[in-house]
Amino acid sequence: VITINPSMSSFVTSLSYAAHPSKQSNQSNKAERQ
């Protein structure tokens, strides 16, 4: 499904987590709910 900039997606996600550690627990909780 995701064909445009696949490597950028994980890179941006990693940067987002590094910049906002509080998002890690929110994303983790969301993943667990899913």
PDB file of all heavy atoms in Angstrom:
ATOM      1  N   VAL A   1       0.805  -1.215   0.000  1.00  0.00           N
ATOM      2  CA  VAL A   1       0.000   0.000   0.000  1.00  0.00           C
ATOM      3  C   VAL A   1       0.836   1.262   0.000  1.00  0.00           C
ATOM      4  O   VAL A   1       0.575   2.197  -0.745  1.00  0.00           O
ATOM      5  CB  VAL A   1      -0.948   0.000   1.217  1.00  0.00           C
ATOM      6  CG1 VAL A   1      -1.716   1.294   1.319  1.00  0.00           C
ATOM      7  CG2 VAL A   1      -1.913  -1.169   1.121  1.00  0.00           C
ATOM      8  N   ILE A   2       1.829   1.324   0.845  1.00  0.00           N
ATOM      9  CA  ILE A   2       2.621   2.538   0.981  1.00  0.00           C
ATOM     10  C   ILE A   2       3.831   2.440   0.061  1.00  0.00           C
ATOM     11  O   ILE A   2       4.777   1.739   0.334  1.00  0.00           O
ATOM     12  CB  ILE A   2       3.087   2.745   2.436  1.00  0.00           C
ATOM     13  CG1 ILE A   2       1.909   2.667   3.398  1.00  0.00           C
ATOM     14  CG2 ILE A   2       3.853   4.032   2.578  1.00  0.00           C
ATOM     15  CD1 ILE A   2       0.830   3.713   3.174  1.00  0.00           C
ATOM     16  N   THR A   3       3.781   3.150  -1.043  1.00  0.00           N
ATOM     17  CA  THR A   3       4.852   3.042  -2.035  1.00  0.00           C
ATOM     18  C   THR A   3       5.689   4.314  -2.146  1.00  0.00           C
ATOM     19  O   THR A   3       6.757   4.290  -2.735  1.00  0.00           O
ATOM     20  CB  THR A   3       4.260   2.733  -3.419  1.00  0.00           C
ATOM     21  OG1 THR A   3       3.341   3.760  -3.761  1.00  0.00           O
ATOM     22  CG2 THR A   3       3.583   1.389  -3.429  1.00  0.00           C
ATOM     23  N   ILE A   4       5.210   5.396  -1.598  1.00  0.00           N
ATOM     24  CA  ILE A   4       5.940   6.653  -1.711  1.00  0.00           C
ATOM     25  C   ILE A   4       6.756   6.880  -0.439  1.00  0.00           C
ATOM     26  O   ILE A   4       6.231   6.893   0.650  1.00  0.00           O
ATOM     27  CB  ILE A   4       4.976   7.843  -1.905  1.00  0.00           C
ATOM     28  CG1 ILE A   4       4.068   7.605  -3.109  1.00  0.00           C
ATOM     29  CG2 ILE A   4       5.727   9.158  -2.035  1.00  0.00           C
ATOM     30  CD1 ILE A   4       4.787   7.471  -4.431  1.00  0.00           C
ATOM     31  N   ASN A   5       8.043   7.058  -0.591  1.00  0.00           N
ATOM     32  CA  ASN A   5       8.962   7.343   0.515  1.00  0.00           C
ATOM     33  C   ASN A   5       8.844   6.376   1.693  1.00  0.00           C
ATOM     34  O   ASN A   5       8.726   6.799   2.832  1.00  0.00           O
ATOM     35  CB  ASN A   5       8.742   8.769   1.035  1.00  0.00           C
ATOM     36  CG  ASN A   5       9.096   9.799  -0.004  1.00  0.00           C
ATOM     37  OD1 ASN A   5       9.999   9.593  -0.801  1.00  0.00           O
ATOM     38  ND2 ASN A   5       8.403  10.917   0.004  1.00  0.00           N
ATOM     39  N   PRO A   6       8.935   5.067   1.480  1.00  0.00           N
ATOM     40  CA  PRO A   6       8.793   4.154   2.605  1.00  0.00           C
ATOM     41  C   PRO A   6       9.889   4.320   3.660  1.00  0.00           C
ATOM     42  O   PRO A   6       9.629   4.199   4.846  1.00  0.00           O
ATOM     43  CB  PRO A   6       8.851   2.766   1.965  1.00  0.00           C
ATOM     44  CG  PRO A   6       9.524   2.969   0.657  1.00  0.00           C
ATOM     45  CD  PRO A   6       9.203   4.378   0.233  1.00  0.00           C
ATOM     46  N   SER A   7      11.098   4.634   3.244  1.00  0.00           N
ATOM     47  CA  SER A   7      12.168   4.791   4.230  1.00  0.00           C
ATOM     48  C   SER A   7      12.015   6.084   5.020  1.00  0.00           C
ATOM     49  O   SER A   7      12.370   6.152   6.187  1.00  0.00           O
ATOM     50  CB  SER A   7      13.538   4.749   3.551  1.00  0.00           C
ATOM     51  OG  SER A   7      13.640   5.806   2.619  1.00  0.00           O
ATOM     52  N   MET A   8      11.452   7.095   4.394  1.00  0.00           N
ATOM     53  CA  MET A   8      11.229   8.350   5.103  1.00  0.00           C
ATOM     54  C   MET A   8      10.197   8.194   6.210  1.00  0.00           C
ATOM     55  O   MET A   8      10.289   8.828   7.244  1.00  0.00           O
ATOM     56  CB  MET A   8      10.766   9.440   4.133  1.00  0.00           C
ATOM     57  CG  MET A   8      11.876  10.009   3.288  1.00  0.00           C
ATOM     58  SD  MET A   8      13.171  10.760   4.283  1.00  0.00           S
ATOM     59  CE  MET A   8      12.314  12.200   4.883  1.00  0.00           C
ATOM     60  N   SER A   9       9.217   7.335   6.005  1.00  0.00           N
ATOM     61  CA  SER A   9       8.170   7.138   6.999  1.00  0.00           C
ATOM     62  C   SER A   9       8.758   6.667   8.322  1.00  0.00           C
ATOM     63  O   SER A   9       8.464   7.210   9.380  1.00  0.00           O
ATOM     64  CB  SER A   9       7.149   6.126   6.500  1.00  0.00           C
ATOM     65  OG  SER A   9       6.185   5.902   7.485  1.00  0.00           O
ATOM     66  N   SER A  10       9.611   5.648   8.300  1.00  0.00           N
ATOM     67  CA  SER A  10      10.195   5.157   9.540  1.00  0.00           C
ATOM     68  C   SER A  10      11.191   6.164  10.107  1.00  0.00           C
ATOM     69  O   SER A  10      11.307   6.301  11.325  1.00  0.00           O
ATOM     70  CB  SER A  10      10.865   3.808   9.320  1.00  0.00           C
ATOM     71  OG  SER A  10      11.912   3.925   8.384  1.00  0.00           O
ATOM     72  N   PHE A  11      11.895   6.878   9.239  1.00  0.00           N
ATOM     73  CA  PHE A  11      12.832   7.885   9.695  1.00  0.00           C
ATOM     74  C   PHE A  11      12.100   9.007  10.435  1.00  0.00           C
ATOM     75  O   PHE A  11      12.485   9.419  11.519  1.00  0.00           O
ATOM     76  CB  PHE A  11      13.614   8.447   8.505  1.00  0.00           C
ATOM     77  CG  PHE A  11      14.564   9.548   8.868  1.00  0.00           C
ATOM     78  CD1 PHE A  11      15.725   9.271   9.552  1.00  0.00           C
ATOM     79  CD2 PHE A  11      14.301  10.861   8.532  1.00  0.00           C
ATOM     80  CE1 PHE A  11      16.611  10.274   9.893  1.00  0.00           C
ATOM     81  CE2 PHE A  11      15.178  11.870   8.872  1.00  0.00           C
ATOM     82  CZ  PHE A  11      16.333  11.579   9.552  1.00  0.00           C
ATOM     83  N   VAL A  12      10.991   9.484   9.853  1.00  0.00           N
ATOM     84  CA  VAL A  12      10.199  10.539  10.479  1.00  0.00           C
ATOM     85  C   VAL A  12       9.608  10.047  11.799  1.00  0.00           C
ATOM     86  O   VAL A  12       9.592  10.762  12.791  1.00  0.00           O
ATOM     87  CB  VAL A  12       9.090  11.040   9.518  1.00  0.00           C
ATOM     88  CG1 VAL A  12       8.106  11.943  10.226  1.00  0.00           C
ATOM     89  CG2 VAL A  12       9.717  11.755   8.341  1.00  0.00           C
ATOM     90  N   THR A  13       9.133   8.811  11.818  1.00  0.00           N
ATOM     91  CA  THR A  13       8.583   8.245  13.051  1.00  0.00           C
ATOM     92  C   THR A  13       9.649   8.190  14.134  1.00  0.00           C
ATOM     93  O   THR A  13       9.404   8.555  15.284  1.00  0.00           O
ATOM     94  CB  THR A  13       8.027   6.834  12.793  1.00  0.00           C
ATOM     95  OG1 THR A  13       7.013   6.926  11.807  1.00  0.00           O
ATOM     96  CG2 THR A  13       7.464   6.224  14.055  1.00  0.00           C
ATOM     97  N   SER A  14      10.858   7.757  13.786  1.00  0.00           N
ATOM     98  CA  SER A  14      11.948   7.699  14.755  1.00  0.00           C
ATOM     99  C   SER A  14      12.277   9.080  15.296  1.00  0.00           C
ATOM    100  O   SER A  14      12.485   9.260  16.490  1.00  0.00           O
ATOM    101  CB  SER A  14      13.207   7.097  14.119  1.00  0.00           C
ATOM    102  OG  SER A  14      12.955   5.788  13.715  1.00  0.00           O
ATOM    103  N   LEU A  15      12.326  10.064  14.408  1.00  0.00           N
ATOM    104  CA  LEU A  15      12.599  11.431  14.848  1.00  0.00           C
ATOM    105  C   LEU A  15      11.486  11.942  15.760  1.00  0.00           C
ATOM    106  O   LEU A  15      11.743  12.605  16.757  1.00  0.00           O
ATOM    107  CB  LEU A  15      12.741  12.366  13.642  1.00  0.00           C
ATOM    108  CG  LEU A  15      14.015  12.238  12.831  1.00  0.00           C
ATOM    109  CD1 LEU A  15      13.979  13.204  11.655  1.00  0.00           C
ATOM    110  CD2 LEU A  15      15.226  12.512  13.693  1.00  0.00           C
ATOM    111  N   SER A  16      10.268  11.624  15.420  1.00  0.00           N
ATOM    112  CA  SER A  16       9.133  12.051  16.221  1.00  0.00           C
ATOM    113  C   SER A  16       9.226  11.469  17.628  1.00  0.00           C
ATOM    114  O   SER A  16       8.990  12.156  18.616  1.00  0.00           O
ATOM    115  CB  SER A  16       7.829  11.612  15.558  1.00  0.00           C
ATOM    116  OG  SER A  16       6.734  11.891  16.394  1.00  0.00           O
ATOM    117  N   TYR A  17       9.560  10.194  17.727  1.00  0.00           N
ATOM    118  CA  TYR A  17       9.702   9.568  19.042  1.00  0.00           C
ATOM    119  C   TYR A  17      10.848  10.184  19.832  1.00  0.00           C
ATOM    120  O   TYR A  17      10.729  10.417  21.022  1.00  0.00           O
ATOM    121  CB  TYR A  17       9.936   8.067  18.902  1.00  0.00           C
ATOM    122  CG  TYR A  17       8.704   7.276  18.583  1.00  0.00           C
ATOM    123  CD1 TYR A  17       8.805   6.015  18.027  1.00  0.00           C
ATOM    124  CD2 TYR A  17       7.431   7.767  18.834  1.00  0.00           C
ATOM    125  CE1 TYR A  17       7.683   5.272  17.735  1.00  0.00           C
ATOM    126  CE2 TYR A  17       6.304   7.029  18.535  1.00  0.00           C
ATOM    127  CZ  TYR A  17       6.439   5.785  17.997  1.00  0.00           C
ATOM    128  OH  TYR A  17       5.329   5.044  17.709  1.00  0.00           O
ATOM    129  N   ALA A  18      11.952  10.446  19.150  1.00  0.00           N
ATOM    130  CA  ALA A  18      13.094  11.028  19.840  1.00  0.00           C
ATOM    131  C   ALA A  18      12.777  12.433  20.350  1.00  0.00           C
ATOM    132  O   ALA A  18      13.165  12.815  21.441  1.00  0.00           O
ATOM    133  CB  ALA A  18      14.304  11.063  18.907  1.00  0.00           C
ATOM    134  N   ALA A  19      12.048  13.185  19.556  1.00  0.00           N
ATOM    135  CA  ALA A  19      11.724  14.559  19.921  1.00  0.00           C
ATOM    136  C   ALA A  19      10.615  14.628  20.966  1.00  0.00           C
ATOM    137  O   ALA A  19      10.551  15.571  21.744  1.00  0.00           O
ATOM    138  CB  ALA A  19      11.311  15.347  18.681  1.00  0.00           C
ATOM    139  N   HIS A  20       9.727  13.643  20.976  1.00  0.00           N
ATOM    140  CA  HIS A  20       8.571  13.658  21.873  1.00  0.00           C
ATOM    141  C   HIS A  20       8.420  12.303  22.558  1.00  0.00           C
ATOM    142  O   HIS A  20       7.564  11.510  22.168  1.00  0.00           O
ATOM    143  CB  HIS A  20       7.296  13.984  21.091  1.00  0.00           C
ATOM    144  CG  HIS A  20       7.373  15.263  20.344  1.00  0.00           C
ATOM    145  ND1 HIS A  20       7.298  16.482  20.966  1.00  0.00           N
ATOM    146  CD2 HIS A  20       7.545  15.513  19.031  1.00  0.00           C
ATOM    147  CE1 HIS A  20       7.405  17.439  20.058  1.00  0.00           C
ATOM    148  NE2 HIS A  20       7.564  16.882  18.883  1.00  0.00           N
ATOM    149  N   PRO A  21       9.207  12.020  23.586  1.00  0.00           N
ATOM    150  CA  PRO A  21       9.139  10.721  24.244  1.00  0.00           C
ATOM    151  C   PRO A  21       7.740  10.379  24.760  1.00  0.00           C
ATOM    152  O   PRO A  21       7.387   9.220  24.843  1.00  0.00           O
ATOM    153  CB  PRO A  21      10.127  10.842  25.405  1.00  0.00           C
ATOM    154  CG  PRO A  21      11.032  11.959  25.037  1.00  0.00           C
ATOM    155  CD  PRO A  21      10.230  12.880  24.163  1.00  0.00           C
ATOM    156  N   SER A  22       6.932  11.371  25.077  1.00  0.00           N
ATOM    157  CA  SER A  22       5.589  11.093  25.578  1.00  0.00           C
ATOM    158  C   SER A  22       4.734  10.408  24.522  1.00  0.00           C
ATOM    159  O   SER A  22       3.791   9.693  24.845  1.00  0.00           O
ATOM    160  CB  SER A  22       4.909  12.378  26.037  1.00  0.00           C
ATOM    161  OG  SER A  22       4.749  13.261  24.946  1.00  0.00           O
ATOM    162  N   LYS A  23       5.048  10.606  23.248  1.00  0.00           N
ATOM    163  CA  LYS A  23       4.292   9.970  22.168  1.00  0.00           C
ATOM    164  C   LYS A  23       4.528   8.469  22.145  1.00  0.00           C
ATOM    165  O   LYS A  23       3.698   7.715  21.661  1.00  0.00           O
ATOM    166  CB  LYS A  23       4.680  10.553  20.803  1.00  0.00           C
ATOM    167  CG  LYS A  23       4.143  11.943  20.570  1.00  0.00           C
ATOM    168  CD  LYS A  23       4.433  12.376  19.166  1.00  0.00           C
ATOM    169  CE  LYS A  23       3.878  13.761  18.906  1.00  0.00           C
ATOM    170  NZ  LYS A  23       4.120  14.184  17.535  1.00  0.00           N
ATOM    171  N   GLN A  24       5.680   8.019  22.670  1.00  0.00           N
ATOM    172  CA  GLN A  24       5.982   6.602  22.652  1.00  0.00           C
ATOM    173  C   GLN A  24       4.925   5.814  23.402  1.00  0.00           C
ATOM    174  O   GLN A  24       4.435   4.804  22.912  1.00  0.00           O
ATOM    175  CB  GLN A  24       7.361   6.340  23.251  1.00  0.00           C
ATOM    176  CG  GLN A  24       8.484   6.846  22.385  1.00  0.00           C
ATOM    177  CD  GLN A  24       9.835   6.635  23.009  1.00  0.00           C
ATOM    178  OE1 GLN A  24       9.977   5.951  24.010  1.00  0.00           O
ATOM    179  NE2 GLN A  24      10.850   7.237  22.429  1.00  0.00           N
ATOM    180  N   SER A  25       4.557   6.255  24.582  1.00  0.00           N
ATOM    181  CA  SER A  25       3.573   5.515  25.354  1.00  0.00           C
ATOM    182  C   SER A  25       2.202   5.606  24.695  1.00  0.00           C
ATOM    183  O   SER A  25       1.451   4.637  24.694  1.00  0.00           O
ATOM    184  CB  SER A  25       3.517   6.011  26.794  1.00  0.00           C
ATOM    185  OG  SER A  25       3.106   7.356  26.836  1.00  0.00           O
ATOM    186  N   ASN A  26       1.859   6.741  24.106  1.00  0.00           N
ATOM    187  CA  ASN A  26       0.585   6.864  23.404  1.00  0.00           C
ATOM    188  C   ASN A  26       0.531   5.917  22.213  1.00  0.00           C
ATOM    189  O   ASN A  26      -0.473   5.255  21.981  1.00  0.00           O
ATOM    190  CB  ASN A  26       0.349   8.299  22.927  1.00  0.00           C
ATOM    191  CG  ASN A  26       0.094   9.258  24.066  1.00  0.00           C
ATOM    192  OD1 ASN A  26      -0.268   8.836  25.158  1.00  0.00           O
ATOM    193  ND2 ASN A  26       0.296  10.536  23.814  1.00  0.00           N
ATOM    194  N   GLN A  27       1.604   5.860  21.435  1.00  0.00           N
ATOM    195  CA  GLN A  27       1.657   4.963  20.284  1.00  0.00           C
ATOM    196  C   GLN A  27       1.640   3.516  20.738  1.00  0.00           C
ATOM    197  O   GLN A  27       1.006   2.669  20.127  1.00  0.00           O
ATOM    198  CB  GLN A  27       2.905   5.245  19.430  1.00  0.00           C
ATOM    199  CG  GLN A  27       2.861   6.552  18.687  1.00  0.00           C
ATOM    200  CD  GLN A  27       1.785   6.571  17.618  1.00  0.00           C
ATOM    201  OE1 GLN A  27       1.339   5.556  17.122  1.00  0.00           O
ATOM    202  NE2 GLN A  27       1.338   7.761  17.270  1.00  0.00           N
ATOM    203  N   SER A  28       2.345   3.216  21.820  1.00  0.00           N
ATOM    204  CA  SER A  28       2.378   1.859  22.351  1.00  0.00           C
ATOM    205  C   SER A  28       0.987   1.426  22.801  1.00  0.00           C
ATOM    206  O   SER A  28       0.546   0.314  22.502  1.00  0.00           O
ATOM    207  CB  SER A  28       3.368   1.781  23.514  1.00  0.00           C
ATOM    208  OG  SER A  28       3.355   0.496  24.082  1.00  0.00           O
ATOM    209  N   ASN A  29       0.283   2.304  23.507  1.00  0.00           N
ATOM    210  CA  ASN A  29      -1.075   1.987  23.961  1.00  0.00           C
ATOM    211  C   ASN A  29      -2.004   1.779  22.774  1.00  0.00           C
ATOM    212  O   ASN A  29      -2.838   0.881  22.782  1.00  0.00           O
ATOM    213  CB  ASN A  29      -1.624   3.095  24.864  1.00  0.00           C
ATOM    214  CG  ASN A  29      -0.930   3.145  26.203  1.00  0.00           C
ATOM    215  OD1 ASN A  29      -0.326   2.171  26.626  1.00  0.00           O
ATOM    216  ND2 ASN A  29      -1.013   4.285  26.858  1.00  0.00           N
ATOM    217  N   LYS A  30      -1.868   2.605  21.757  1.00  0.00           N
ATOM    218  CA  LYS A  30      -2.703   2.483  20.570  1.00  0.00           C
ATOM    219  C   LYS A  30      -2.428   1.160  19.860  1.00  0.00           C
ATOM    220  O   LYS A  30      -3.352   0.467  19.440  1.00  0.00           O
ATOM    221  CB  LYS A  30      -2.457   3.655  19.627  1.00  0.00           C
ATOM    222  CG  LYS A  30      -3.358   3.649  18.423  1.00  0.00           C
ATOM    223  CD  LYS A  30      -3.149   4.874  17.585  1.00  0.00           C
ATOM    224  CE  LYS A  30      -4.089   4.855  16.409  1.00  0.00           C
ATOM    225  NZ  LYS A  30      -3.966   6.043  15.600  1.00  0.00           N
ATOM    226  N   ALA A  31      -1.143   0.802  19.736  1.00  0.00           N
ATOM    227  CA  ALA A  31      -0.780  -0.461  19.092  1.00  0.00           C
ATOM    228  C   ALA A  31      -1.346  -1.642  19.876  1.00  0.00           C
ATOM    229  O   ALA A  31      -1.845  -2.603  19.284  1.00  0.00           O
ATOM    230  CB  ALA A  31       0.731  -0.579  18.963  1.00  0.00           C
ATOM    231  N   GLU A  32      -1.289  -1.575  21.199  1.00  0.00           N
ATOM    232  CA  GLU A  32      -1.833  -2.649  22.024  1.00  0.00           C
ATOM    233  C   GLU A  32      -3.343  -2.756  21.840  1.00  0.00           C
ATOM    234  O   GLU A  32      -3.886  -3.860  21.757  1.00  0.00           O
ATOM    235  CB  GLU A  32      -1.484  -2.431  23.493  1.00  0.00           C
ATOM    236  CG  GLU A  32      -0.032  -2.713  23.804  1.00  0.00           C
ATOM    237  CD  GLU A  32       0.339  -2.414  25.244  1.00  0.00           C
ATOM    238  OE1 GLU A  32      -0.568  -2.297  26.097  1.00  0.00           O
ATOM    239  OE2 GLU A  32       1.541  -2.300  25.519  1.00  0.00           O
ATOM    240  N   ARG A  33      -4.033  -1.625  21.770  1.00  0.00           N
ATOM    241  CA  ARG A  33      -5.483  -1.649  21.555  1.00  0.00           C
ATOM    242  C   ARG A  33      -5.809  -2.258  20.192  1.00  0.00           C
ATOM    243  O   ARG A  33      -6.759  -3.027  20.053  1.00  0.00           O
ATOM    244  CB  ARG A  33      -6.068  -0.241  21.653  1.00  0.00           C
ATOM    245  CG  ARG A  33      -6.197   0.273  23.075  1.00  0.00           C
ATOM    246  CD  ARG A  33      -7.046   1.535  23.150  1.00  0.00           C
ATOM    247  NE  ARG A  33      -6.636   2.590  22.240  1.00  0.00           N
ATOM    248  CZ  ARG A  33      -5.745   3.530  22.523  1.00  0.00           C
ATOM    249  NH1 ARG A  33      -5.150   3.565  23.700  1.00  0.00           N
ATOM    250  NH2 ARG A  33      -5.442   4.456  21.630  1.00  0.00           N
ATOM    251  N   GLN A  34      -4.999  -1.926  19.176  1.00  0.00           N
ATOM    252  CA  GLN A  34      -5.231  -2.475  17.843  1.00  0.00           C
ATOM    253  C   GLN A  34      -4.978  -3.982  17.833  1.00  0.00           C
ATOM    254  O   GLN A  34      -5.704  -4.732  17.198  1.00  0.00           O
ATOM    255  CB  GLN A  34      -4.365  -1.763  16.808  1.00  0.00           C
ATOM    256  CG  GLN A  34      -4.841  -0.357  16.518  1.00  0.00           C
ATOM    257  CD  GLN A  34      -3.970   0.371  15.521  1.00  0.00           C
ATOM    258  OE1 GLN A  34      -2.789   0.077  15.375  1.00  0.00           O
ATOM    259  NE2 GLN A  34      -4.544   1.340  14.840  1.00  0.00           N
TER     260      GLN A  34
END
